[in-house]
C-alpha atoms as a PDB file:
ATOM      1  CA  GLN A   1       9.930  -6.125 -15.550  1.00  0.00           C
ATOM      2  CA  VAL A   2       6.738  -4.491 -13.358  1.00  0.00           C
ATOM      3  CA  GLN A   3       5.136  -1.117 -12.996  1.00  0.00           C
ATOM      4  CA  VAL A   4       2.868  -0.253  -9.993  1.00  0.00           C
ATOM      5  CA  VAL A   5       0.100   2.189 -10.795  1.00  0.00           C
ATOM      6  CA  GLU A   6      -2.318   3.593  -7.579  1.00  0.00           C
ATOM      7  CA  SER A   7      -5.456   5.335  -8.466  1.00  0.00           C
ATOM      8  CA  GLY A   8      -8.061   6.468  -5.582  1.00  0.00           C
ATOM      9  CA  GLY A   9      -7.085   8.734  -3.404  1.00  0.00           C
ATOM     10  CA  GLY A  10      -8.696  12.247  -2.453  1.00  0.00           C
ATOM     11  CA  SER A  11      -9.994  14.188  -0.127  1.00  0.00           C
ATOM     12  CA  VAL A  12     -12.205  12.930   3.166  1.00  0.00           C
ATOM     13  CA  GLN A  13     -13.372  13.300   6.120  1.00  0.00           C
ATOM     14  CA  ALA A  14     -12.645  12.342   9.504  1.00  0.00           C
ATOM     15  CA  GLY A  15     -14.193   9.471  10.166  1.00  0.00           C
ATOM     16  CA  GLY A  16     -14.560   7.993   6.565  1.00  0.00           C
ATOM     17  CA  SER A  17     -13.366   6.203   3.948  1.00  0.00           C
ATOM     18  CA  LEU A  18     -11.458   5.705   1.237  1.00  0.00           C
ATOM     19  CA  ARG A  19     -10.262   2.326  -1.128  1.00  0.00           C
ATOM     20  CA  LEU A  20      -7.334   3.055  -2.763  1.00  0.00           C
ATOM     21  CA  SER A  21      -6.087   0.023  -5.857  1.00  0.00           C
ATOM     22  CA  CYS A  22      -2.741  -0.527  -6.967  1.00  0.00           C
ATOM     23  CA  VAL A  23      -2.718  -2.447 -10.769  1.00  0.00           C
ATOM     24  CA  ALA A  24       0.385  -4.479 -11.424  1.00  0.00           C
ATOM     25  CA  THR A  25       1.962  -4.982 -15.167  1.00  0.00           C
ATOM     26  CA  GLY A  26       4.852  -7.783 -15.866  1.00  0.00           C
ATOM     27  CA  ARG A  27       4.697 -10.964 -15.581  1.00  0.00           C
ATOM     28  CA  THR A  28       5.607 -11.544 -12.152  1.00  0.00           C
ATOM     29  CA  PHE A  29       3.223 -10.006 -10.355  1.00  0.00           C
ATOM     30  CA  SER A  30       1.381 -13.004  -8.853  1.00  0.00           C
ATOM     31  CA  SER A  31       4.645 -14.650  -7.249  1.00  0.00           C
ATOM     32  CA  ALA A  32       5.235 -10.613  -5.951  1.00  0.00           C
ATOM     33  CA  ASN A  33       4.961  -9.738  -2.337  1.00  0.00           C
ATOM     34  CA  MET A  34       2.981  -6.781  -2.420  1.00  0.00           C
ATOM     35  CA  GLY A  35       2.538  -3.661   0.230  1.00  0.00           C
ATOM     36  CA  TRP A  36       1.880  -0.078   0.473  1.00  0.00           C
ATOM     37  CA  PHE A  37       4.130   2.553   2.282  1.00  0.00           C
ATOM     38  CA  ARG A  38       3.308   6.847   3.291  1.00  0.00           C
ATOM     39  CA  GLN A  39       5.128   9.918   2.817  1.00  0.00           C
ATOM     40  CA  TYR A  40       4.555  12.932   4.949  1.00  0.00           C
ATOM     41  CA  PRO A  41       5.917  16.443   3.668  1.00  0.00           C
ATOM     42  CA  GLY A  42       9.867  16.737   4.385  1.00  0.00           C
ATOM     43  CA  LYS A  43       9.455  12.387   5.994  1.00  0.00           C
ATOM     44  CA  GLU A  44      11.227   9.635   5.245  1.00  0.00           C
ATOM     45  CA  ARG A  45       8.453   7.507   3.141  1.00  0.00           C
ATOM     46  CA  GLU A  46       7.287   4.478   5.880  1.00  0.00           C
ATOM     47  CA  PHE A  47       5.649   1.245   6.040  1.00  0.00           C
ATOM     48  CA  VAL A  48       2.090   1.024   5.986  1.00  0.00           C
ATOM     49  CA  ALA A  49       0.544  -2.626   4.997  1.00  0.00           C
ATOM     50  CA  SER A  50       1.660  -5.671   3.197  1.00  0.00           C
ATOM     51  CA  ILE A  51       0.922  -8.307   1.364  1.00  0.00           C
ATOM     52  CA  THR A  52       2.342 -12.097   0.561  1.00  0.00           C
ATOM     53  CA  TRP A  53       2.248 -13.560  -2.585  1.00  0.00           C
ATOM     54  CA  ASN A  54      -0.307 -16.119  -2.166  1.00  0.00           C
ATOM     55  CA  GLY A  55      -2.468 -13.882   0.025  1.00  0.00           C
ATOM     56  CA  ASP A  56      -1.949 -15.959   2.937  1.00  0.00           C
ATOM     57  CA  ASN A  57      -0.168 -13.541   5.842  1.00  0.00           C
ATOM     58  CA  THR A  58      -0.411  -9.485   6.012  1.00  0.00           C
ATOM     59  CA  TYR A  59       1.074  -7.224   8.057  1.00  0.00           C
ATOM     60  CA  TYR A  60       0.241  -3.895   9.270  1.00  0.00           C
ATOM     61  CA  SER A  61       2.161  -0.413  11.136  1.00  0.00           C
ATOM     62  CA  ASN A  62       0.752  -0.081  13.998  1.00  0.00           C
ATOM     63  CA  SER A  63      -0.871   2.931  13.537  1.00  0.00           C
ATOM     64  CA  VAL A  64      -3.097   1.707  11.353  1.00  0.00           C
ATOM     65  CA  LYS A  65      -3.541  -2.513  12.475  1.00  0.00           C
ATOM     66  CA  GLY A  66      -7.245  -2.460  12.825  1.00  0.00           C
ATOM     67  CA  ARG A  67      -8.141   0.574  10.955  1.00  0.00           C
ATOM     68  CA  PHE A  68      -6.597  -0.008   7.245  1.00  0.00           C
ATOM     69  CA  THR A  69      -6.867  -3.925   5.239  1.00  0.00           C
ATOM     70  CA  ILE A  70      -4.694  -4.844   3.059  1.00  0.00           C
ATOM     71  CA  SER A  71      -5.802  -7.564   0.020  1.00  0.00           C
ATOM     72  CA  ARG A  72      -4.997  -9.049  -3.387  1.00  0.00           C
ATOM     73  CA  ASP A  73      -6.923 -10.115  -6.412  1.00  0.00           C
ATOM     74  CA  GLY A  74      -4.216 -12.564  -8.349  1.00  0.00           C
ATOM     75  CA  ALA A  75      -6.680 -12.500 -11.871  1.00  0.00           C
ATOM     76  CA  GLU A  76      -7.212  -8.141 -11.992  1.00  0.00           C
ATOM     77  CA  ASN A  77      -3.619  -8.333 -11.164  1.00  0.00           C
ATOM     78  CA  THR A  78      -4.161  -5.380  -8.019  1.00  0.00           C
ATOM     79  CA  VAL A  79      -3.494  -5.077  -4.909  1.00  0.00           C
ATOM     80  CA  TYR A  80      -6.259  -2.509  -2.795  1.00  0.00           C
ATOM     81  CA  LEU A  81      -5.725  -0.636   0.712  1.00  0.00           C
ATOM     82  CA  GLN A  82      -9.030  -0.175   2.285  1.00  0.00           C
ATOM     83  CA  MET A  83      -9.113   2.704   4.853  1.00  0.00           C
ATOM     84  CA  ASN A  84     -11.389   3.600   7.448  1.00  0.00           C
ATOM     85  CA  ASP A  85     -11.750   5.538  10.030  1.00  0.00           C
ATOM     86  CA  LEU A  86      -9.302   7.666   8.227  1.00  0.00           C
ATOM     87  CA  LYS A  87      -7.576  10.552  10.819  1.00  0.00           C
ATOM     88  CA  PRO A  88      -5.995  13.385  10.042  1.00  0.00           C
ATOM     89  CA  ASP A  89      -2.649  11.612  10.172  1.00  0.00           C
ATOM     90  CA  ASP A  90      -3.025   8.991   7.714  1.00  0.00           C
ATOM     91  CA  THR A  91      -2.927  12.261   5.356  1.00  0.00           C
ATOM     92  CA  ALA A  92      -0.311  11.690   2.600  1.00  0.00           C
ATOM     93  CA  VAL A  93       1.319  10.353  -0.279  1.00  0.00           C
ATOM     94  CA  TYR A  94       0.156   6.826  -0.516  1.00  0.00           C
ATOM     95  CA  TYR A  95       2.520   4.829  -3.076  1.00  0.00           C
ATOM     96  CA  CYS A  96       2.209   0.829  -3.815  1.00  0.00           C
ATOM     97  CA  VAL A  97       5.882  -1.642  -3.773  1.00  0.00           C
ATOM     98  CA  ALA A  98       6.250  -4.440  -5.436  1.00  0.00           C
ATOM     99  CA  ASP A  99       8.825  -7.245  -3.893  1.00  0.00           C
ATOM    100  CA  VAL A 100       9.597  -9.746  -7.381  1.00  0.00           C
ATOM    101  CA  GLU A 101      12.027 -11.284  -4.766  1.00  0.00           C
ATOM    102  CA  ARG A 102       9.956 -12.723  -1.814  1.00  0.00           C
ATOM    103  CA  ARG A 103      11.965 -11.514   0.635  1.00  0.00           C
ATOM    104  CA  LYS A 104      11.927 -12.756   4.636  1.00  0.00           C
ATOM    105  CA  ASN A 105      10.929 -10.800   7.194  1.00  0.00           C
ATOM    106  CA  VAL A 106      12.159  -7.540   6.335  1.00  0.00           C
ATOM    107  CA  GLN A 107       9.061  -6.455   4.768  1.00  0.00           C
ATOM    108  CA  PHE A 108       8.513  -3.236   7.269  1.00  0.00           C
ATOM    109  CA  PHE A 109      11.452  -1.890   5.278  1.00  0.00           C
ATOM    110  CA  LYS A 110      11.951   0.922   2.157  1.00  0.00           C
ATOM    111  CA  MET A 111      14.679  -2.148   0.887  1.00  0.00           C
ATOM    112  CA  ALA A 112      12.778  -5.034   0.569  1.00  0.00           C
ATOM    113  CA  TYR A 113      10.560  -3.552  -2.539  1.00  0.00           C
ATOM    114  CA  ASP A 114      12.118  -3.172  -6.137  1.00  0.00           C
ATOM    115  CA  TYR A 115       9.734  -1.490  -7.441  1.00  0.00           C
ATOM    116  CA  TRP A 116       7.296   1.649  -6.276  1.00  0.00           C
ATOM    117  CA  GLY A 117       4.682   3.563  -8.192  1.00  0.00           C
ATOM    118  CA  GLN A 118       4.800   6.945  -8.667  1.00  0.00           C
ATOM    119  CA  GLY A 119       2.116   7.198  -5.237  1.00  0.00           C
ATOM    120  CA  THR A 120      -1.305   8.784  -4.983  1.00  0.00           C
ATOM    121  CA  GLN A 121      -2.508  11.582  -2.465  1.00  0.00           C
ATOM    122  CA  VAL A 122      -4.903  11.184   0.538  1.00  0.00           C
ATOM    123  CA  THR A 123      -6.123  14.316   2.381  1.00  0.00           C
ATOM    124  CA  VAL A 124      -8.179  14.039   6.017  1.00  0.00           C
ATOM    125  CA  SER A 125      -9.165  16.702   6.901  1.00  0.00           C
ATOM    126  CA  SER A 126     -10.344  17.824  10.460  1.00  0.00           C
END
């Protein structure tokens, strides 16, 4: 069993930065691919970024590439999402996700992830 808990959301002005953290509990964290999704009101959750279990590979949506960075700290069982140059369109609820099966080539899809956090709100004002 893996539990993921996000923190670090909040309100910021356009152009500002936030860092989201996701603490994962459970013995399988070190072997799990991890990621972030976000959800706008009334919309489906969409992929933001992911990182493989060993940190060797990262993936980003086109909308955040070059502005967001995903990383992980195995010693702390934590995944981070550093968000820079935030835009009002980044306003959403952000979810941390874990794929304990280490599925290949499906990291952009919700179905690839077994565990989801409760979400943390990010609000960017213009």
